[in-house]
Amino acid sequence: MIQTGNDRELPSGMLETSPLIVGMVAISIPVSLLALAAVGGSVVVLVLAVLSMLGVGAATLAFVFRLAADAPEQPAGGDGHAG
């Protein structure tokens, strides 16, 4: 990982753990909607739970595609900045 020395950077390890935290929160939304639909017997809430599951799946797929994308290559001579 490249350190730039910027004071506004995330704390150490946050870059690695943030997808896990976001994933846990995103998965808890459809699960809680499913539980609410099971208790209340509401078809509308069940449809919302299915739609939210599709949304979480699409967001996860987009995130995986972003992780799997090749990083842009740096020019061999550098970019002309010192330091």
Protein backbone atom coordinates (compact mmCIF):
# COMPACT_ATOMS: atom_id res chain seq x y z
CA MET A 1 0.00 0.00 0.00
CA ILE A 2 1.34 3.42 -0.93
CA GLN A 3 1.59 5.94 1.88
CA THR A 4 1.23 9.54 0.76
CA GLY A 5 1.71 11.23 4.12
CA ASN A 6 -1.69 12.90 4.02
CA ASP A 7 -3.23 13.65 7.44
CA ARG A 8 -6.74 12.92 6.13
CA GLU A 9 -6.06 9.22 5.45
CA LEU A 10 -8.11 6.47 7.03
CA PRO A 11 -6.76 4.78 10.16
CA SER A 12 -4.54 1.75 9.69
CA GLY A 13 -6.54 -1.29 8.60
CA MET A 14 -9.72 0.66 7.86
CA LEU A 15 -9.31 0.18 4.11
CA GLU A 16 -9.31 -3.59 4.60
CA THR A 17 -12.15 -3.77 7.12
CA SER A 18 -14.57 -1.25 5.62
CA PRO A 19 -15.93 -3.69 2.98
CA LEU A 20 -16.68 -6.18 5.75
CA ILE A 21 -18.51 -3.58 7.82
CA VAL A 22 -20.50 -2.29 4.87
CA GLY A 23 -21.33 -5.86 3.82
CA MET A 24 -22.59 -6.78 7.27
CA VAL A 25 -24.85 -3.72 7.41
CA ALA A 26 -26.07 -4.30 3.85
CA ILE A 27 -26.93 -7.94 4.52
CA SER A 28 -28.70 -7.12 7.78
CA ILE A 29 -31.27 -4.97 5.94
CA PRO A 30 -32.86 -7.78 3.84
CA VAL A 31 -32.59 -10.21 6.74
CA SER A 32 -34.48 -7.88 9.06
CA LEU A 33 -37.08 -7.24 6.34
CA LEU A 34 -37.54 -11.00 5.92
CA ALA A 35 -37.99 -11.40 9.66
CA LEU A 36 -40.51 -8.57 9.69
CA ALA A 37 -42.40 -10.17 6.79
CA ALA A 38 -42.43 -13.53 8.56
CA VAL A 39 -43.80 -12.06 11.78
CA GLY A 40 -46.30 -9.70 10.19
CA GLY A 41 -47.23 -11.78 7.18
CA SER A 42 -47.03 -8.77 4.89
CA VAL A 43 -46.48 -9.45 1.19
CA VAL A 44 -45.32 -5.86 0.62
CA VAL A 45 -42.51 -6.22 3.14
CA LEU A 46 -41.54 -9.55 1.57
CA VAL A 47 -41.30 -7.89 -1.85
CA LEU A 48 -39.16 -5.12 -0.34
CA ALA A 49 -36.91 -7.78 1.21
CA VAL A 50 -36.43 -9.50 -2.15
CA LEU A 51 -35.70 -6.18 -3.87
CA SER A 52 -33.18 -5.24 -1.18
CA MET A 53 -31.49 -8.63 -1.60
CA LEU A 54 -31.14 -7.96 -5.31
CA GLY A 55 -29.72 -4.53 -4.54
CA VAL A 56 -27.18 -5.93 -2.10
CA GLY A 57 -26.17 -8.57 -4.64
CA ALA A 58 -25.72 -5.94 -7.36
CA ALA A 59 -23.66 -3.72 -5.07
CA THR A 60 -21.49 -6.67 -4.05
CA LEU A 61 -20.93 -7.62 -7.68
CA ALA A 62 -19.97 -4.05 -8.57
CA PHE A 63 -17.55 -3.97 -5.64
CA VAL A 64 -15.92 -7.24 -6.72
CA PHE A 65 -15.56 -5.94 -10.28
CA ARG A 66 -13.88 -2.82 -8.92
CA LEU A 67 -11.48 -4.89 -6.83
CA ALA A 68 -10.68 -7.14 -9.77
CA ALA A 69 -10.02 -4.25 -12.17
CA ASP A 70 -6.43 -3.62 -13.18
CA ALA A 71 -4.81 -0.60 -11.62
CA PRO A 72 -3.71 2.10 -14.06
CA GLU A 73 -0.06 1.75 -14.95
CA GLN A 74 2.41 4.43 -13.91
CA PRO A 75 4.71 5.85 -16.57
CA ALA A 76 8.22 4.42 -16.47
CA GLY A 77 9.91 7.80 -16.11
CA GLY A 78 7.71 8.99 -13.26
CA ASP A 79 5.35 11.91 -13.37
CA GLY A 80 7.97 14.60 -12.85
CA HIS A 81 7.20 15.29 -9.19
CA ALA A 82 9.94 15.11 -6.63
CA GLY A 83 9.48 13.56 -3.27
